[in-house]
N, C-alpha and C. Protein backbone atom coordinates (compact mmCIF):
# COMPACT_ATOMS: atom_id res chain seq x y z
N UNK A 1 78.06 81.49 58.57
CA UNK A 1 78.93 82.43 57.89
C UNK A 1 79.07 82.05 56.41
N UNK A 2 79.36 80.79 56.11
CA UNK A 2 79.52 80.32 54.74
C UNK A 2 78.66 79.10 54.48
N UNK A 3 78.43 78.84 53.21
CA UNK A 3 77.84 77.56 52.80
C UNK A 3 78.52 77.13 51.51
N UNK A 4 78.39 75.84 51.20
CA UNK A 4 78.94 75.31 49.96
C UNK A 4 77.92 75.48 48.86
N UNK A 5 78.37 75.95 47.71
CA UNK A 5 77.49 76.23 46.58
C UNK A 5 78.03 75.52 45.34
N UNK A 6 77.20 74.70 44.72
CA UNK A 6 77.59 74.06 43.47
C UNK A 6 77.36 75.06 42.34
N UNK A 7 78.43 75.51 41.69
CA UNK A 7 78.26 76.56 40.68
C UNK A 7 77.60 76.07 39.40
N UNK A 8 76.89 76.99 38.78
CA UNK A 8 76.35 76.74 37.44
C UNK A 8 77.47 77.01 36.44
N UNK A 9 77.24 76.67 35.19
CA UNK A 9 78.23 76.94 34.14
C UNK A 9 78.54 78.44 34.08
N UNK A 10 77.51 79.27 34.16
CA UNK A 10 77.71 80.72 34.08
C UNK A 10 78.52 81.24 35.26
N UNK A 11 78.37 80.62 36.41
CA UNK A 11 79.09 81.08 37.61
C UNK A 11 80.56 80.69 37.59
N UNK A 12 80.99 79.94 36.60
CA UNK A 12 82.41 79.58 36.51
C UNK A 12 83.28 80.80 36.23
N UNK A 13 82.65 81.93 35.93
CA UNK A 13 83.41 83.18 35.80
C UNK A 13 84.18 83.49 37.09
N UNK A 14 83.59 83.15 38.23
CA UNK A 14 84.29 83.40 39.49
C UNK A 14 85.56 82.54 39.56
N UNK A 15 85.49 81.30 39.14
CA UNK A 15 86.68 80.44 39.15
C UNK A 15 87.74 81.02 38.22
N UNK A 16 87.32 81.51 37.07
CA UNK A 16 88.25 82.14 36.14
C UNK A 16 88.94 83.33 36.82
N UNK A 17 88.17 84.15 37.51
CA UNK A 17 88.73 85.30 38.22
C UNK A 17 89.68 84.86 39.33
N UNK A 18 89.26 83.87 40.10
CA UNK A 18 90.06 83.36 41.21
C UNK A 18 91.43 82.88 40.73
N UNK A 19 91.43 82.05 39.69
CA UNK A 19 92.67 81.44 39.21
C UNK A 19 93.58 82.42 38.47
N UNK A 20 93.01 83.52 37.97
CA UNK A 20 93.82 84.49 37.23
C UNK A 20 94.34 85.62 38.10
N UNK A 21 93.95 85.66 39.35
CA UNK A 21 94.36 86.74 40.23
C UNK A 21 95.75 86.46 40.82
N UNK A 22 96.76 87.29 40.51
CA UNK A 22 98.12 87.03 40.99
C UNK A 22 98.24 86.97 42.51
N UNK A 23 97.54 87.82 43.23
CA UNK A 23 97.61 87.79 44.69
C UNK A 23 97.02 86.50 45.25
N UNK A 24 95.88 86.10 44.71
CA UNK A 24 95.24 84.87 45.17
C UNK A 24 96.11 83.66 44.88
N UNK A 25 96.72 83.63 43.72
CA UNK A 25 97.49 82.46 43.29
C UNK A 25 98.98 82.55 43.65
N UNK A 26 99.36 83.51 44.47
CA UNK A 26 100.77 83.65 44.82
C UNK A 26 101.32 82.40 45.51
N UNK A 27 100.46 81.65 46.21
CA UNK A 27 100.89 80.41 46.85
C UNK A 27 101.37 79.39 45.82
N UNK A 28 100.94 79.54 44.58
CA UNK A 28 101.22 78.59 43.50
C UNK A 28 102.47 78.98 42.71
N UNK A 29 103.31 79.82 43.29
CA UNK A 29 104.47 80.36 42.57
C UNK A 29 105.39 79.27 42.04
N UNK A 30 105.55 78.19 42.76
CA UNK A 30 106.45 77.12 42.33
C UNK A 30 105.92 76.39 41.09
N UNK A 31 104.61 76.53 40.82
CA UNK A 31 103.99 75.84 39.71
C UNK A 31 103.47 76.80 38.65
N UNK A 32 103.97 78.02 38.64
CA UNK A 32 103.60 78.96 37.60
C UNK A 32 102.66 80.06 38.00
N UNK A 33 102.20 80.07 39.25
CA UNK A 33 101.33 81.16 39.71
C UNK A 33 99.91 81.03 39.21
N UNK A 34 99.48 82.00 38.43
CA UNK A 34 98.09 82.02 37.95
C UNK A 34 97.84 80.87 36.97
N UNK A 35 96.56 80.55 36.80
CA UNK A 35 96.15 79.46 35.92
C UNK A 35 95.12 80.00 34.94
N UNK A 36 95.32 79.72 33.66
CA UNK A 36 94.39 80.15 32.62
C UNK A 36 93.20 79.20 32.63
N UNK A 37 91.99 79.76 32.70
CA UNK A 37 90.76 78.98 32.71
C UNK A 37 89.75 79.65 31.78
N UNK A 38 89.96 79.55 30.46
CA UNK A 38 89.10 80.25 29.50
C UNK A 38 87.73 79.59 29.38
N UNK A 39 86.72 80.32 28.98
CA UNK A 39 85.37 79.76 28.81
C UNK A 39 85.32 78.52 27.92
N UNK A 40 86.22 78.39 26.98
CA UNK A 40 86.22 77.21 26.10
C UNK A 40 86.48 75.92 26.89
N UNK A 41 87.07 76.02 28.06
CA UNK A 41 87.35 74.83 28.89
C UNK A 41 86.26 74.54 29.90
N UNK A 42 85.32 75.45 30.10
CA UNK A 42 84.36 75.32 31.18
C UNK A 42 83.48 74.09 31.07
N UNK A 43 82.97 73.79 29.89
CA UNK A 43 82.04 72.67 29.76
C UNK A 43 82.71 71.35 30.09
N UNK A 44 83.87 71.10 29.55
CA UNK A 44 84.59 69.86 29.84
C UNK A 44 84.99 69.76 31.30
N UNK A 45 85.45 70.88 31.86
CA UNK A 45 85.82 70.90 33.27
C UNK A 45 84.60 70.61 34.14
N UNK A 46 83.49 71.25 33.83
CA UNK A 46 82.26 71.07 34.63
C UNK A 46 81.76 69.63 34.52
N UNK A 47 81.83 69.03 33.36
CA UNK A 47 81.41 67.64 33.21
C UNK A 47 82.25 66.73 34.09
N UNK A 48 83.54 67.02 34.18
CA UNK A 48 84.45 66.21 34.99
C UNK A 48 84.26 66.44 36.49
N UNK A 49 84.14 67.71 36.91
CA UNK A 49 84.11 68.04 38.33
C UNK A 49 82.71 68.18 38.93
N UNK A 50 81.76 68.69 38.16
CA UNK A 50 80.44 68.98 38.73
C UNK A 50 79.40 67.91 38.42
N UNK A 51 79.50 67.27 37.28
CA UNK A 51 78.46 66.34 36.85
C UNK A 51 78.76 64.88 37.19
N UNK A 52 80.01 64.56 37.44
CA UNK A 52 80.38 63.17 37.73
C UNK A 52 79.73 62.72 39.03
N UNK A 53 79.12 61.57 39.00
CA UNK A 53 78.39 61.08 40.17
C UNK A 53 79.05 59.84 40.79
N UNK A 54 80.33 59.63 40.49
CA UNK A 54 80.99 58.43 40.98
C UNK A 54 81.60 58.58 42.37
N UNK A 55 81.50 59.77 42.97
CA UNK A 55 81.99 59.99 44.33
C UNK A 55 83.48 60.22 44.44
N UNK A 56 84.20 60.26 43.32
CA UNK A 56 85.65 60.46 43.40
C UNK A 56 86.05 61.93 43.29
N UNK A 57 85.09 62.81 42.98
CA UNK A 57 85.37 64.24 42.86
C UNK A 57 84.25 65.05 43.50
N UNK A 58 84.65 66.17 44.10
CA UNK A 58 83.69 67.07 44.74
C UNK A 58 84.24 68.47 44.56
N UNK A 59 83.39 69.42 44.16
CA UNK A 59 83.81 70.80 43.96
C UNK A 59 82.66 71.73 44.33
N UNK A 60 82.97 72.75 45.12
CA UNK A 60 81.96 73.75 45.50
C UNK A 60 82.64 75.10 45.71
N UNK A 61 81.84 76.15 45.53
CA UNK A 61 82.27 77.49 45.91
C UNK A 61 82.00 77.67 47.40
N UNK A 62 82.80 78.53 48.01
CA UNK A 62 82.52 79.01 49.35
C UNK A 62 81.72 80.29 49.17
N UNK A 63 80.49 80.28 49.65
CA UNK A 63 79.59 81.42 49.46
C UNK A 63 79.16 81.99 50.80
N UNK A 64 79.19 83.30 50.90
CA UNK A 64 78.68 83.96 52.10
C UNK A 64 77.16 83.93 52.10
N UNK A 65 76.58 84.28 53.21
CA UNK A 65 75.11 84.31 53.33
C UNK A 65 74.48 85.28 52.33
N UNK A 66 75.23 86.34 51.95
CA UNK A 66 74.69 87.32 51.00
C UNK A 66 74.89 86.89 49.54
N UNK A 67 75.40 85.66 49.33
CA UNK A 67 75.58 85.12 47.99
C UNK A 67 76.91 85.45 47.33
N UNK A 68 77.75 86.21 47.99
CA UNK A 68 79.07 86.55 47.43
C UNK A 68 79.98 85.33 47.54
N UNK A 69 80.64 84.97 46.44
CA UNK A 69 81.60 83.88 46.43
C UNK A 69 82.94 84.39 46.94
N UNK A 70 83.54 83.67 47.89
CA UNK A 70 84.82 84.09 48.47
C UNK A 70 85.94 83.11 48.16
N UNK A 71 85.62 81.94 47.64
CA UNK A 71 86.66 80.97 47.33
C UNK A 71 86.06 79.69 46.78
N UNK A 72 86.91 78.68 46.69
CA UNK A 72 86.48 77.38 46.21
C UNK A 72 87.10 76.30 47.08
N UNK A 73 86.48 75.14 47.08
CA UNK A 73 87.00 74.00 47.80
C UNK A 73 86.64 72.74 47.03
N UNK A 74 87.50 71.74 47.16
CA UNK A 74 87.30 70.52 46.38
C UNK A 74 88.06 69.37 47.01
N UNK A 75 87.70 68.16 46.58
CA UNK A 75 88.56 67.00 46.83
C UNK A 75 88.39 66.04 45.67
N UNK A 76 89.40 65.19 45.51
CA UNK A 76 89.35 64.16 44.47
C UNK A 76 90.16 62.95 44.94
N UNK A 77 89.79 61.81 44.40
CA UNK A 77 90.51 60.58 44.73
C UNK A 77 91.72 60.46 43.81
N UNK A 78 92.90 60.32 44.40
CA UNK A 78 94.14 60.15 43.66
C UNK A 78 94.44 58.65 43.56
N UNK A 79 94.26 58.11 42.37
CA UNK A 79 94.45 56.66 42.15
C UNK A 79 95.86 56.20 42.49
N UNK A 80 96.86 56.98 42.11
CA UNK A 80 98.25 56.56 42.32
C UNK A 80 98.58 56.42 43.80
N UNK A 81 98.09 57.36 44.60
CA UNK A 81 98.39 57.33 46.04
C UNK A 81 97.30 56.66 46.86
N UNK A 82 96.13 56.44 46.25
CA UNK A 82 94.98 55.83 46.91
C UNK A 82 94.53 56.63 48.13
N UNK A 83 94.45 57.95 47.93
CA UNK A 83 93.99 58.86 48.97
C UNK A 83 93.12 59.94 48.34
N UNK A 84 92.32 60.60 49.17
CA UNK A 84 91.55 61.77 48.75
C UNK A 84 92.37 63.01 49.05
N UNK A 85 92.60 63.81 48.03
CA UNK A 85 93.36 65.05 48.17
C UNK A 85 92.39 66.22 48.09
N UNK A 86 92.50 67.12 49.05
CA UNK A 86 91.59 68.26 49.08
C UNK A 86 92.30 69.54 48.66
N UNK A 87 91.50 70.56 48.47
CA UNK A 87 92.01 71.83 47.99
C UNK A 87 91.07 72.92 48.48
N UNK A 88 91.65 74.03 48.87
CA UNK A 88 90.84 75.20 49.22
C UNK A 88 91.60 76.43 48.77
N UNK A 89 90.89 77.33 48.12
CA UNK A 89 91.46 78.62 47.73
C UNK A 89 90.48 79.70 48.16
N UNK A 90 90.96 80.65 48.93
CA UNK A 90 90.17 81.81 49.31
C UNK A 90 90.75 82.99 48.53
N UNK A 91 89.87 83.73 47.85
CA UNK A 91 90.30 84.90 47.09
C UNK A 91 91.07 85.83 48.02
N UNK A 92 92.16 86.42 47.52
CA UNK A 92 93.03 87.26 48.34
C UNK A 92 92.26 88.37 49.05
N UNK A 93 91.24 88.94 48.40
CA UNK A 93 90.52 90.06 49.03
C UNK A 93 89.67 89.61 50.22
N UNK A 94 89.48 88.28 50.39
CA UNK A 94 88.66 87.78 51.50
C UNK A 94 89.47 87.00 52.54
N UNK A 95 90.78 87.02 52.41
CA UNK A 95 91.62 86.27 53.37
C UNK A 95 91.65 86.98 54.72
N UNK A 96 92.00 86.19 55.72
CA UNK A 96 92.14 86.66 57.11
C UNK A 96 90.80 87.10 57.71
N UNK A 97 89.72 86.45 57.26
CA UNK A 97 88.39 86.74 57.80
C UNK A 97 87.72 85.47 58.31
N UNK A 98 88.48 84.36 58.41
CA UNK A 98 87.93 83.11 58.91
C UNK A 98 87.32 82.21 57.85
N UNK A 99 87.35 82.64 56.58
CA UNK A 99 86.73 81.85 55.53
C UNK A 99 87.48 80.55 55.24
N UNK A 100 88.79 80.56 55.36
CA UNK A 100 89.56 79.34 55.13
C UNK A 100 89.23 78.27 56.15
N UNK A 101 89.18 78.67 57.40
CA UNK A 101 88.85 77.73 58.48
C UNK A 101 87.43 77.17 58.32
N UNK A 102 86.49 78.06 58.05
CA UNK A 102 85.10 77.62 57.86
C UNK A 102 84.97 76.76 56.61
N UNK A 103 85.66 77.13 55.55
CA UNK A 103 85.62 76.34 54.32
C UNK A 103 86.18 74.94 54.51
N UNK A 104 87.27 74.82 55.24
CA UNK A 104 87.83 73.50 55.52
C UNK A 104 86.87 72.66 56.35
N UNK A 105 86.21 73.28 57.33
CA UNK A 105 85.24 72.55 58.14
C UNK A 105 84.09 72.04 57.27
N UNK A 106 83.58 72.90 56.40
CA UNK A 106 82.48 72.50 55.52
C UNK A 106 82.92 71.39 54.56
N UNK A 107 84.13 71.50 54.04
CA UNK A 107 84.62 70.47 53.13
C UNK A 107 84.78 69.13 53.85
N UNK A 108 85.34 69.15 55.05
CA UNK A 108 85.49 67.91 55.82
C UNK A 108 84.13 67.29 56.13
N UNK A 109 83.16 68.12 56.49
CA UNK A 109 81.81 67.61 56.76
C UNK A 109 81.20 66.98 55.51
N UNK A 110 81.37 67.63 54.35
CA UNK A 110 80.82 67.09 53.10
C UNK A 110 81.50 65.78 52.73
N UNK A 111 82.81 65.72 52.88
CA UNK A 111 83.55 64.49 52.56
C UNK A 111 83.13 63.36 53.48
N UNK A 112 83.02 63.64 54.76
CA UNK A 112 82.60 62.63 55.73
C UNK A 112 81.20 62.10 55.38
N UNK A 113 80.30 63.00 55.01
CA UNK A 113 78.94 62.59 54.65
C UNK A 113 78.93 61.68 53.41
N UNK A 114 79.96 61.79 52.58
CA UNK A 114 80.07 60.95 51.39
C UNK A 114 80.87 59.67 51.64
N UNK A 115 81.25 59.46 52.91
CA UNK A 115 81.97 58.24 53.26
C UNK A 115 83.47 58.31 53.15
N UNK A 116 84.02 59.48 52.86
CA UNK A 116 85.47 59.63 52.81
C UNK A 116 85.99 59.55 54.24
N UNK A 117 87.01 58.75 54.45
CA UNK A 117 87.51 58.54 55.82
C UNK A 117 88.68 59.44 56.17
N UNK A 118 89.40 59.96 55.17
CA UNK A 118 90.54 60.85 55.44
C UNK A 118 90.76 61.76 54.25
N UNK A 119 91.14 62.99 54.54
CA UNK A 119 91.50 63.96 53.50
C UNK A 119 92.96 64.33 53.68
N UNK A 120 93.65 64.51 52.56
CA UNK A 120 95.04 64.92 52.54
C UNK A 120 95.17 66.18 51.70
N UNK A 121 96.25 66.91 51.90
CA UNK A 121 96.62 67.98 50.97
C UNK A 121 98.12 68.07 50.94
N UNK A 122 98.67 68.22 49.75
CA UNK A 122 100.11 68.42 49.60
C UNK A 122 100.32 69.91 49.35
N UNK A 123 100.97 70.55 50.30
CA UNK A 123 101.09 72.00 50.34
C UNK A 123 102.55 72.37 50.22
N UNK A 124 102.85 73.39 49.44
CA UNK A 124 104.23 73.88 49.35
C UNK A 124 104.71 74.24 50.75
N UNK A 125 105.93 73.85 51.06
CA UNK A 125 106.46 74.04 52.42
C UNK A 125 106.46 75.50 52.85
N UNK A 126 106.58 76.42 51.89
CA UNK A 126 106.61 77.85 52.24
C UNK A 126 105.23 78.50 52.22
N UNK A 127 104.18 77.71 52.03
CA UNK A 127 102.82 78.24 51.96
C UNK A 127 102.28 78.42 53.39
N UNK A 128 101.86 79.63 53.76
CA UNK A 128 101.36 79.86 55.11
C UNK A 128 100.08 79.08 55.44
N UNK A 129 99.42 78.51 54.44
CA UNK A 129 98.20 77.76 54.73
C UNK A 129 98.47 76.46 55.49
N UNK A 130 99.72 76.03 55.57
CA UNK A 130 100.04 74.85 56.38
C UNK A 130 99.52 75.08 57.81
N UNK A 131 99.74 76.27 58.34
CA UNK A 131 99.28 76.60 59.70
C UNK A 131 97.75 76.52 59.80
N UNK A 132 97.05 76.94 58.76
CA UNK A 132 95.59 76.86 58.76
C UNK A 132 95.14 75.40 58.85
N UNK A 133 95.72 74.54 58.03
CA UNK A 133 95.34 73.12 58.05
C UNK A 133 95.62 72.51 59.42
N UNK A 134 96.76 72.81 60.00
CA UNK A 134 97.08 72.27 61.32
C UNK A 134 96.10 72.79 62.38
N UNK A 135 95.72 74.05 62.30
CA UNK A 135 94.75 74.62 63.24
C UNK A 135 93.37 73.99 63.09
N UNK A 136 93.10 73.42 61.91
CA UNK A 136 91.81 72.79 61.64
C UNK A 136 91.83 71.28 61.88
N UNK A 137 92.83 70.79 62.58
CA UNK A 137 92.86 69.38 62.95
C UNK A 137 93.61 68.46 62.02
N UNK A 138 94.22 68.99 60.98
CA UNK A 138 95.06 68.16 60.11
C UNK A 138 96.38 67.92 60.83
N UNK A 139 97.03 66.83 60.49
CA UNK A 139 98.34 66.51 61.03
C UNK A 139 99.32 66.36 59.88
N UNK A 140 100.59 66.56 60.17
CA UNK A 140 101.61 66.36 59.14
C UNK A 140 101.82 64.86 58.98
N UNK A 141 101.62 64.38 57.76
CA UNK A 141 101.78 62.96 57.45
C UNK A 141 103.16 62.68 56.85
N UNK A 142 103.69 63.65 56.12
CA UNK A 142 105.00 63.52 55.50
C UNK A 142 105.49 64.91 55.15
N UNK A 143 106.82 65.00 54.99
CA UNK A 143 107.40 66.31 54.67
C UNK A 143 108.67 66.10 53.85
N UNK A 144 108.85 66.96 52.86
CA UNK A 144 110.12 67.05 52.14
C UNK A 144 110.56 68.50 52.26
N UNK A 145 111.65 68.84 51.62
CA UNK A 145 112.11 70.23 51.64
C UNK A 145 111.10 71.15 50.94
N UNK A 146 110.33 70.59 50.00
CA UNK A 146 109.42 71.41 49.19
C UNK A 146 107.96 71.28 49.56
N UNK A 147 107.55 70.12 50.07
CA UNK A 147 106.13 69.81 50.26
C UNK A 147 105.85 69.33 51.69
N UNK A 148 104.71 69.76 52.22
CA UNK A 148 104.19 69.23 53.48
C UNK A 148 102.88 68.52 53.14
N UNK A 149 102.81 67.23 53.44
CA UNK A 149 101.58 66.47 53.24
C UNK A 149 100.84 66.44 54.57
N UNK A 150 99.62 67.00 54.57
CA UNK A 150 98.81 67.01 55.78
C UNK A 150 97.65 66.05 55.60
N UNK A 151 97.12 65.56 56.73
CA UNK A 151 96.03 64.59 56.70
C UNK A 151 95.10 64.83 57.87
N UNK A 152 93.82 64.63 57.62
CA UNK A 152 92.82 64.66 58.69
C UNK A 152 91.95 63.43 58.55
N UNK A 153 91.90 62.63 59.63
CA UNK A 153 91.02 61.48 59.66
C UNK A 153 89.62 61.97 60.01
N UNK A 154 88.62 61.58 59.23
CA UNK A 154 87.28 62.14 59.36
C UNK A 154 86.30 61.27 60.12
N UNK A 155 86.56 59.97 60.21
CA UNK A 155 85.58 59.06 60.83
C UNK A 155 86.28 58.13 61.80
N UNK A 156 85.67 57.92 62.96
CA UNK A 156 86.19 56.97 63.93
C UNK A 156 87.43 57.48 64.63
N UNK A 157 88.03 56.59 65.41
CA UNK A 157 89.18 56.96 66.22
C UNK A 157 90.50 56.50 65.63
N UNK A 158 90.45 55.65 64.60
CA UNK A 158 91.70 55.12 64.08
C UNK A 158 92.46 56.17 63.28
N UNK A 159 93.77 56.02 63.24
CA UNK A 159 94.62 56.94 62.49
C UNK A 159 94.61 56.54 61.02
N UNK A 160 94.82 57.48 60.11
CA UNK A 160 94.87 57.15 58.70
C UNK A 160 96.08 56.27 58.37
N UNK A 161 95.93 55.47 57.36
CA UNK A 161 97.03 54.62 56.91
C UNK A 161 97.91 55.46 55.99
N UNK A 162 99.16 55.67 56.39
CA UNK A 162 100.04 56.55 55.63
C UNK A 162 101.02 55.79 54.77
N UNK A 163 101.11 54.47 54.91
CA UNK A 163 102.09 53.74 54.13
C UNK A 163 101.69 53.54 52.68
N UNK A 164 100.51 54.02 52.29
CA UNK A 164 100.08 53.90 50.90
C UNK A 164 100.54 55.08 50.05
N UNK A 165 101.18 56.05 50.66
CA UNK A 165 101.60 57.24 49.92
C UNK A 165 102.86 56.90 49.13
N UNK A 166 102.77 57.02 47.82
CA UNK A 166 103.87 56.64 46.95
C UNK A 166 104.95 57.70 46.90
N UNK A 167 104.55 58.96 46.93
CA UNK A 167 105.54 60.03 46.90
C UNK A 167 104.88 61.31 47.37
N UNK A 168 105.72 62.20 47.82
CA UNK A 168 105.21 63.50 48.25
C UNK A 168 105.76 64.54 47.32
């Protein structure tokens, strides 16, 4: 149904569209909603997210078999918390079609292949995607009134170490 696609510089137009769409970014209301991503920022952003080969960052589009981009997914290593934090955004016009679930599976597979042992995401407590993460095998690692921290252990049978989380 989907595959991960490493975007070219020119294809960053989709990311610009994704981040500027109010319906897509409605989950981000507590942090300002839409995000400005002008072409002047693309080269620096791409060098940081797409060209870095140190294994601490990963970014891909979610692409259908027909080449249409439906969302983005990523993870990065958070030095302060010493965990990998993931992210998935499905464009509002493609939601409720199974793309979020498939995208999370693909992201977990890619992270596991790179040796990442656990992925986390800090999600606004009122964001309906918490249910998606839980349905995809993530567990609640911590919770505040505002944030739900979810985690999925990717390798082996041991549980993730949660005492390294400095704050949620």
